[in-house]
Amino acid sequence: MQGLKEHLPKSVTSFTEEILELETAIVLVLDKKVGVIGANSAFCDYLPFKSLSEFTKRHKDISELFIASKTTLSS
């Protein structure tokens, strides 16, 4: 689970990673202050990003992928 290791205690991290990687749907782990801090492999399987860091360099929030911006709406 990309990005999660730096935000959770080590004992919780590996258990959490194993469970979330078994999920075939996209799973994102969010922090109120930081934003997206983790994603399972389904995230990269379904969306056009090779890694979570590639996503976070281009987007602040996952909703940006699904909600048109004001400039798109007015065009």
PDB file of N, CA and C in Angstrom:
ATOM      1  N   MET A   1       0.854  -1.180   0.000  1.00  0.00           N
ATOM      2  CA  MET A   1       0.000   0.000   0.000  1.00  0.00           C
ATOM      3  C   MET A   1       0.887   1.227   0.000  1.00  0.00           C
ATOM      4  N   GLN A   2       0.917   1.894  -1.091  1.00  0.00           N
ATOM      5  CA  GLN A   2       1.817   3.024  -1.303  1.00  0.00           C
ATOM      6  C   GLN A   2       1.556   4.168  -0.329  1.00  0.00           C
ATOM      7  N   GLY A   3       2.592   4.696   0.279  1.00  0.00           N
ATOM      8  CA  GLY A   3       2.494   5.888   1.100  1.00  0.00           C
ATOM      9  C   GLY A   3       2.032   5.674   2.523  1.00  0.00           C
ATOM     10  N   LEU A   4       1.473   4.546   2.825  1.00  0.00           N
ATOM     11  CA  LEU A   4       0.884   4.311   4.135  1.00  0.00           C
ATOM     12  C   LEU A   4       1.927   4.098   5.223  1.00  0.00           C
ATOM     13  N   LYS A   5       3.074   3.536   4.884  1.00  0.00           N
ATOM     14  CA  LYS A   5       4.092   3.178   5.878  1.00  0.00           C
ATOM     15  C   LYS A   5       4.551   4.345   6.727  1.00  0.00           C
ATOM     16  N   GLU A   6       4.635   5.509   6.148  1.00  0.00           N
ATOM     17  CA  GLU A   6       5.131   6.660   6.905  1.00  0.00           C
ATOM     18  C   GLU A   6       4.081   7.265   7.833  1.00  0.00           C
ATOM     19  N   HIS A   7       2.844   6.806   7.747  1.00  0.00           N
ATOM     20  CA  HIS A   7       1.772   7.384   8.553  1.00  0.00           C
ATOM     21  C   HIS A   7       1.201   6.449   9.626  1.00  0.00           C
ATOM     22  N   LEU A   8       1.548   5.184   9.578  1.00  0.00           N
ATOM     23  CA  LEU A   8       1.021   4.232  10.557  1.00  0.00           C
ATOM     24  C   LEU A   8       2.162   3.525  11.279  1.00  0.00           C
ATOM     25  N   PRO A   9       1.900   3.073  12.525  1.00  0.00           N
ATOM     26  CA  PRO A   9       2.914   2.287  13.231  1.00  0.00           C
ATOM     27  C   PRO A   9       3.239   1.016  12.438  1.00  0.00           C
ATOM     28  N   LYS A  10       4.460   0.535  12.527  1.00  0.00           N
ATOM     29  CA  LYS A  10       4.928  -0.604  11.744  1.00  0.00           C
ATOM     30  C   LYS A  10       4.048  -1.844  11.923  1.00  0.00           C
ATOM     31  N   SER A  11       3.626  -2.149  13.141  1.00  0.00           N
ATOM     32  CA  SER A  11       2.825  -3.354  13.387  1.00  0.00           C
ATOM     33  C   SER A  11       1.468  -3.285  12.691  1.00  0.00           C
ATOM     34  N   VAL A  12       0.911  -2.109  12.598  1.00  0.00           N
ATOM     35  CA  VAL A  12      -0.386  -1.919  11.954  1.00  0.00           C
ATOM     36  C   VAL A  12      -0.227  -1.897  10.439  1.00  0.00           C
ATOM     37  N   THR A  13       0.864  -1.355   9.965  1.00  0.00           N
ATOM     38  CA  THR A  13       1.078  -1.156   8.537  1.00  0.00           C
ATOM     39  C   THR A  13       1.033  -2.446   7.739  1.00  0.00           C
ATOM     40  N   SER A  14       1.808  -3.440   8.111  1.00  0.00           N
ATOM     41  CA  SER A  14       1.861  -4.658   7.301  1.00  0.00           C
ATOM     42  C   SER A  14       0.524  -5.396   7.303  1.00  0.00           C
ATOM     43  N   PHE A  15      -0.156  -5.438   8.433  1.00  0.00           N
ATOM     44  CA  PHE A  15      -1.471  -6.070   8.512  1.00  0.00           C
ATOM     45  C   PHE A  15      -2.469  -5.330   7.629  1.00  0.00           C
ATOM     46  N   THR A  16      -2.468  -4.015   7.708  1.00  0.00           N
ATOM     47  CA  THR A  16      -3.363  -3.183   6.908  1.00  0.00           C
ATOM     48  C   THR A  16      -3.069  -3.340   5.426  1.00  0.00           C
ATOM     49  N   GLU A  17      -1.798  -3.335   5.063  1.00  0.00           N
ATOM     50  CA  GLU A  17      -1.414  -3.498   3.664  1.00  0.00           C
ATOM     51  C   GLU A  17      -1.922  -4.812   3.092  1.00  0.00           C
ATOM     52  N   GLU A  18      -1.758  -5.887   3.828  1.00  0.00           N
ATOM     53  CA  GLU A  18      -2.199  -7.203   3.358  1.00  0.00           C
ATOM     54  C   GLU A  18      -3.697  -7.231   3.100  1.00  0.00           C
ATOM     55  N   ILE A  19      -4.470  -6.693   4.014  1.00  0.00           N
ATOM     56  CA  ILE A  19      -5.928  -6.688   3.874  1.00  0.00           C
ATOM     57  C   ILE A  19      -6.353  -5.833   2.683  1.00  0.00           C
ATOM     58  N   LEU A  20      -5.804  -4.637   2.588  1.00  0.00           N
ATOM     59  CA  LEU A  20      -6.227  -3.723   1.531  1.00  0.00           C
ATOM     60  C   LEU A  20      -5.761  -4.161   0.149  1.00  0.00           C
ATOM     61  N   GLU A  21      -4.642  -4.838   0.060  1.00  0.00           N
ATOM     62  CA  GLU A  21      -4.171  -5.328  -1.234  1.00  0.00           C
ATOM     63  C   GLU A  21      -5.049  -6.469  -1.763  1.00  0.00           C
ATOM     64  N   LEU A  22      -5.751  -7.152  -0.883  1.00  0.00           N
ATOM     65  CA  LEU A  22      -6.665  -8.210  -1.322  1.00  0.00           C
ATOM     66  C   LEU A  22      -7.933  -7.641  -1.950  1.00  0.00           C
ATOM     67  N   GLU A  23      -8.225  -6.404  -1.671  1.00  0.00           N
ATOM     68  CA  GLU A  23      -9.424  -5.736  -2.202  1.00  0.00           C
ATOM     69  C   GLU A  23      -9.229  -5.425  -3.676  1.00  0.00           C
ATOM     70  N   THR A  24     -10.203  -5.799  -4.501  1.00  0.00           N
ATOM     71  CA  THR A  24     -10.092  -5.542  -5.941  1.00  0.00           C
ATOM     72  C   THR A  24     -10.586  -4.145  -6.322  1.00  0.00           C
ATOM     73  N   ALA A  25     -11.342  -3.515  -5.449  1.00  0.00           N
ATOM     74  CA  ALA A  25     -11.798  -2.140  -5.693  1.00  0.00           C
ATOM     75  C   ALA A  25     -10.706  -1.167  -5.259  1.00  0.00           C
ATOM     76  N   ILE A  26     -10.754   0.040  -5.779  1.00  0.00           N
ATOM     77  CA  ILE A  26      -9.794   1.073  -5.389  1.00  0.00           C
ATOM     78  C   ILE A  26     -10.016   1.451  -3.929  1.00  0.00           C
ATOM     79  N   VAL A  27      -8.949   1.451  -3.156  1.00  0.00           N
ATOM     80  CA  VAL A  27      -8.998   1.874  -1.760  1.00  0.00           C
ATOM     81  C   VAL A  27      -7.978   2.991  -1.577  1.00  0.00           C
ATOM     82  N   LEU A  28      -8.451   4.127  -1.084  1.00  0.00           N
ATOM     83  CA  LEU A  28      -7.573   5.242  -0.756  1.00  0.00           C
ATOM     84  C   LEU A  28      -7.638   5.485   0.739  1.00  0.00           C
ATOM     85  N   VAL A  29      -6.514   5.812   1.333  1.00  0.00           N
ATOM     86  CA  VAL A  29      -6.455   6.173   2.738  1.00  0.00           C
ATOM     87  C   VAL A  29      -6.178   7.666   2.783  1.00  0.00           C
ATOM     88  N   LEU A  30      -7.037   8.388   3.486  1.00  0.00           N
ATOM     89  CA  LEU A  30      -6.950   9.845   3.523  1.00  0.00           C
ATOM     90  C   LEU A  30      -6.636  10.357   4.917  1.00  0.00           C
ATOM     91  N   ASP A  31      -5.959  11.482   4.958  1.00  0.00           N
ATOM     92  CA  ASP A  31      -5.698  12.209   6.191  1.00  0.00           C
ATOM     93  C   ASP A  31      -6.247  13.620   5.991  1.00  0.00           C
ATOM     94  N   LYS A  32      -6.955  14.143   6.984  1.00  0.00           N
ATOM     95  CA  LYS A  32      -7.564  15.472   6.853  1.00  0.00           C
ATOM     96  C   LYS A  32      -6.560  16.549   6.455  1.00  0.00           C
ATOM     97  N   LYS A  33      -5.393  16.511   7.050  1.00  0.00           N
ATOM     98  CA  LYS A  33      -4.405  17.557   6.808  1.00  0.00           C
ATOM     99  C   LYS A  33      -3.559  17.299   5.560  1.00  0.00           C
ATOM    100  N   VAL A  34      -3.203  16.054   5.322  1.00  0.00           N
ATOM    101  CA  VAL A  34      -2.274  15.709   4.252  1.00  0.00           C
ATOM    102  C   VAL A  34      -2.990  15.403   2.934  1.00  0.00           C
ATOM    103  N   GLY A  35      -4.142  14.799   3.021  1.00  0.00           N
ATOM    104  CA  GLY A  35      -4.855  14.342   1.822  1.00  0.00           C
ATOM    105  C   GLY A  35      -4.666  12.847   1.663  1.00  0.00           C
ATOM    106  N   VAL A  36      -4.450  12.386   0.442  1.00  0.00           N
ATOM    107  CA  VAL A  36      -4.278  10.955   0.175  1.00  0.00           C
ATOM    108  C   VAL A  36      -2.917  10.518   0.711  1.00  0.00           C
ATOM    109  N   ILE A  37      -2.919   9.511   1.588  1.00  0.00           N
ATOM    110  CA  ILE A  37      -1.655   9.019   2.152  1.00  0.00           C
ATOM    111  C   ILE A  37      -1.387   7.566   1.774  1.00  0.00           C
ATOM    112  N   GLY A  38      -2.342   6.933   1.136  1.00  0.00           N
ATOM    113  CA  GLY A  38      -2.133   5.545   0.743  1.00  0.00           C
ATOM    114  C   GLY A  38      -3.139   5.118  -0.303  1.00  0.00           C
ATOM    115  N   ALA A  39      -2.737   4.113  -1.088  1.00  0.00           N
ATOM    116  CA  ALA A  39      -3.617   3.553  -2.106  1.00  0.00           C
ATOM    117  C   ALA A  39      -3.217   2.114  -2.359  1.00  0.00           C
ATOM    118  N   ASN A  40      -4.213   1.266  -2.587  1.00  0.00           N
ATOM    119  CA  ASN A  40      -3.873  -0.113  -2.917  1.00  0.00           C
ATOM    120  C   ASN A  40      -3.502  -0.219  -4.391  1.00  0.00           C
ATOM    121  N   SER A  41      -3.055  -1.392  -4.828  1.00  0.00           N
ATOM    122  CA  SER A  41      -2.599  -1.555  -6.207  1.00  0.00           C
ATOM    123  C   SER A  41      -3.722  -1.378  -7.222  1.00  0.00           C
ATOM    124  N   ALA A  42      -4.968  -1.584  -6.818  1.00  0.00           N
ATOM    125  CA  ALA A  42      -6.104  -1.376  -7.727  1.00  0.00           C
ATOM    126  C   ALA A  42      -6.166   0.077  -8.194  1.00  0.00           C
ATOM    127  N   PHE A  43      -5.695   0.996  -7.387  1.00  0.00           N
ATOM    128  CA  PHE A  43      -5.664   2.409  -7.750  1.00  0.00           C
ATOM    129  C   PHE A  43      -4.904   2.595  -9.066  1.00  0.00           C
ATOM    130  N   CYS A  44      -3.728   2.007  -9.166  1.00  0.00           N
ATOM    131  CA  CYS A  44      -2.918   2.126 -10.387  1.00  0.00           C
ATOM    132  C   CYS A  44      -3.419   1.214 -11.497  1.00  0.00           C
ATOM    133  N   ASP A  45      -4.103   0.144 -11.144  1.00  0.00           N
ATOM    134  CA  ASP A  45      -4.658  -0.752 -12.158  1.00  0.00           C
ATOM    135  C   ASP A  45      -5.799  -0.092 -12.927  1.00  0.00           C
ATOM    136  N   TYR A  46      -6.622   0.690 -12.229  1.00  0.00           N
ATOM    137  CA  TYR A  46      -7.811   1.282 -12.834  1.00  0.00           C
ATOM    138  C   TYR A  46      -7.617   2.718 -13.318  1.00  0.00           C
ATOM    139  N   LEU A  47      -6.695   3.443 -12.719  1.00  0.00           N
ATOM    140  CA  LEU A  47      -6.483   4.848 -13.072  1.00  0.00           C
ATOM    141  C   LEU A  47      -5.145   5.015 -13.783  1.00  0.00           C
ATOM    142  N   PRO A  48      -4.990   6.055 -14.577  1.00  0.00           N
ATOM    143  CA  PRO A  48      -3.781   6.206 -15.394  1.00  0.00           C
ATOM    144  C   PRO A  48      -2.561   6.758 -14.647  1.00  0.00           C
ATOM    145  N   PHE A  49      -2.239   6.163 -13.510  1.00  0.00           N
ATOM    146  CA  PHE A  49      -1.085   6.594 -12.722  1.00  0.00           C
ATOM    147  C   PHE A  49      -0.227   5.380 -12.410  1.00  0.00           C
ATOM    148  N   LYS A  50       1.089   5.541 -12.506  1.00  0.00           N
ATOM    149  CA  LYS A  50       1.998   4.438 -12.216  1.00  0.00           C
ATOM    150  C   LYS A  50       2.244   4.282 -10.726  1.00  0.00           C
ATOM    151  N   SER A  51       1.994   5.373  -9.969  1.00  0.00           N
ATOM    152  CA  SER A  51       2.218   5.340  -8.524  1.00  0.00           C
ATOM    153  C   SER A  51       1.370   6.411  -7.845  1.00  0.00           C
ATOM    154  N   LEU A  52       1.264   6.298  -6.542  1.00  0.00           N
ATOM    155  CA  LEU A  52       0.540   7.300  -5.763  1.00  0.00           C
ATOM    156  C   LEU A  52       1.257   8.640  -5.840  1.00  0.00           C
ATOM    157  N   SER A  53       2.586   8.618  -5.836  1.00  0.00           N
ATOM    158  CA  SER A  53       3.326   9.890  -5.907  1.00  0.00           C
ATOM    159  C   SER A  53       3.090  10.597  -7.238  1.00  0.00           C
ATOM    160  N   GLU A  54       2.941   9.845  -8.318  1.00  0.00           N
ATOM    161  CA  GLU A  54       2.611  10.469  -9.609  1.00  0.00           C
ATOM    162  C   GLU A  54       1.249  11.169  -9.530  1.00  0.00           C
ATOM    163  N   PHE A  55       0.293  10.514  -8.880  1.00  0.00           N
ATOM    164  CA  PHE A  55      -1.030  11.121  -8.699  1.00  0.00           C
ATOM    165  C   PHE A  55      -0.941  12.389  -7.861  1.00  0.00           C
ATOM    166  N   THR A  56      -0.251  12.340  -6.713  1.00  0.00           N
ATOM    167  CA  THR A  56      -0.217  13.482  -5.800  1.00  0.00           C
ATOM    168  C   THR A  56       0.584  14.663  -6.351  1.00  0.00           C
ATOM    169  N   LYS A  57       1.462  14.424  -7.289  1.00  0.00           N
ATOM    170  CA  LYS A  57       2.184  15.530  -7.941  1.00  0.00           C
ATOM    171  C   LYS A  57       1.247  16.332  -8.838  1.00  0.00           C
ATOM    172  N   ARG A  58       0.226  15.682  -9.364  1.00  0.00           N
ATOM    173  CA  ARG A  58      -0.674  16.331 -10.312  1.00  0.00           C
ATOM    174  C   ARG A  58      -2.025  16.729  -9.718  1.00  0.00           C
ATOM    175  N   HIS A  59      -2.408  16.097  -8.601  1.00  0.00           N
ATOM    176  CA  HIS A  59      -3.736  16.335  -8.028  1.00  0.00           C
ATOM    177  C   HIS A  59      -3.660  16.451  -6.512  1.00  0.00           C
ATOM    178  N   LYS A  60      -4.541  17.284  -5.956  1.00  0.00           N
ATOM    179  CA  LYS A  60      -4.640  17.415  -4.500  1.00  0.00           C
ATOM    180  C   LYS A  60      -5.680  16.460  -3.935  1.00  0.00           C
ATOM    181  N   ASP A  61      -6.678  16.149  -4.741  1.00  0.00           N
ATOM    182  CA  ASP A  61      -7.827  15.395  -4.260  1.00  0.00           C
ATOM    183  C   ASP A  61      -8.320  14.461  -5.357  1.00  0.00           C
ATOM    184  N   ILE A  62      -8.794  13.310  -4.985  1.00  0.00           N
ATOM    185  CA  ILE A  62      -9.296  12.324  -5.949  1.00  0.00           C
ATOM    186  C   ILE A  62     -10.536  12.841  -6.686  1.00  0.00           C
ATOM    187  N   SER A  63     -11.281  13.726  -6.060  1.00  0.00           N
ATOM    188  CA  SER A  63     -12.500  14.238  -6.699  1.00  0.00           C
ATOM    189  C   SER A  63     -12.190  15.027  -7.965  1.00  0.00           C
ATOM    190  N   GLU A  64     -10.964  15.535  -8.091  1.00  0.00           N
ATOM    191  CA  GLU A  64     -10.569  16.265  -9.294  1.00  0.00           C
ATOM    192  C   GLU A  64     -10.678  15.397 -10.545  1.00  0.00           C
ATOM    193  N   LEU A  65     -10.592  14.087 -10.381  1.00  0.00           N
ATOM    194  CA  LEU A  65     -10.695  13.181 -11.523  1.00  0.00           C
ATOM    195  C   LEU A  65     -12.131  12.982 -11.990  1.00  0.00           C
ATOM    196  N   PHE A  66     -13.093  13.316 -11.131  1.00  0.00           N
ATOM    197  CA  PHE A  66     -14.481  12.998 -11.434  1.00  0.00           C
ATOM    198  C   PHE A  66     -15.399  14.213 -11.537  1.00  0.00           C
ATOM    199  N   ILE A  67     -14.971  15.357 -11.006  1.00  0.00           N
ATOM    200  CA  ILE A  67     -15.786  16.558 -11.016  1.00  0.00           C
ATOM    201  C   ILE A  67     -15.133  17.578 -11.946  1.00  0.00           C
ATOM    202  N   ALA A  68     -15.891  18.035 -12.918  1.00  0.00           N
ATOM    203  CA  ALA A  68     -15.360  18.994 -13.879  1.00  0.00           C
ATOM    204  C   ALA A  68     -15.020  20.305 -13.182  1.00  0.00           C
ATOM    205  N   SER A  69     -13.935  20.944 -13.610  1.00  0.00           N
ATOM    206  CA  SER A  69     -13.555  22.226 -13.030  1.00  0.00           C
ATOM    207  C   SER A  69     -14.480  23.317 -13.553  1.00  0.00           C
ATOM    208  N   LYS A  70     -14.445  24.484 -12.917  1.00  0.00           N
ATOM    209  CA  LYS A  70     -15.292  25.618 -13.336  1.00  0.00           C
ATOM    210  C   LYS A  70     -14.966  26.015 -14.771  1.00  0.00           C
ATOM    211  N   THR A  71     -13.693  25.967 -15.150  1.00  0.00           N
ATOM    212  CA  THR A  71     -13.338  26.358 -16.517  1.00  0.00           C
ATOM    213  C   THR A  71     -13.881  25.353 -17.528  1.00  0.00           C
ATOM    214  N   THR A  72     -13.905  24.083 -17.159  1.00  0.00           N
ATOM    215  CA  THR A  72     -14.459  23.059 -18.045  1.00  0.00           C
ATOM    216  C   THR A  72     -15.961  23.252 -18.196  1.00  0.00           C
ATOM    217  N   LEU A  73     -16.634  23.598 -17.106  1.00  0.00           N
ATOM    218  CA  LEU A  73     -18.078  23.771 -17.141  1.00  0.00           C
ATOM    219  C   LEU A  73     -18.498  24.983 -17.971  1.00  0.00           C
ATOM    220  N   SER A  74     -17.692  26.029 -17.946  1.00  0.00           N
ATOM    221  CA  SER A  74     -18.069  27.252 -18.669  1.00  0.00           C
ATOM    222  C   SER A  74     -17.671  27.209 -20.143  1.00  0.00           C
ATOM    223  N   SER A  75     -16.888  26.230 -20.543  1.00  0.00           N
ATOM    224  CA  SER A  75     -16.433  26.135 -21.938  1.00  0.00           C
ATOM    225  C   SER A  75     -17.530  25.653 -22.852  1.00  0.00           C
TER     226      SER A  75
END
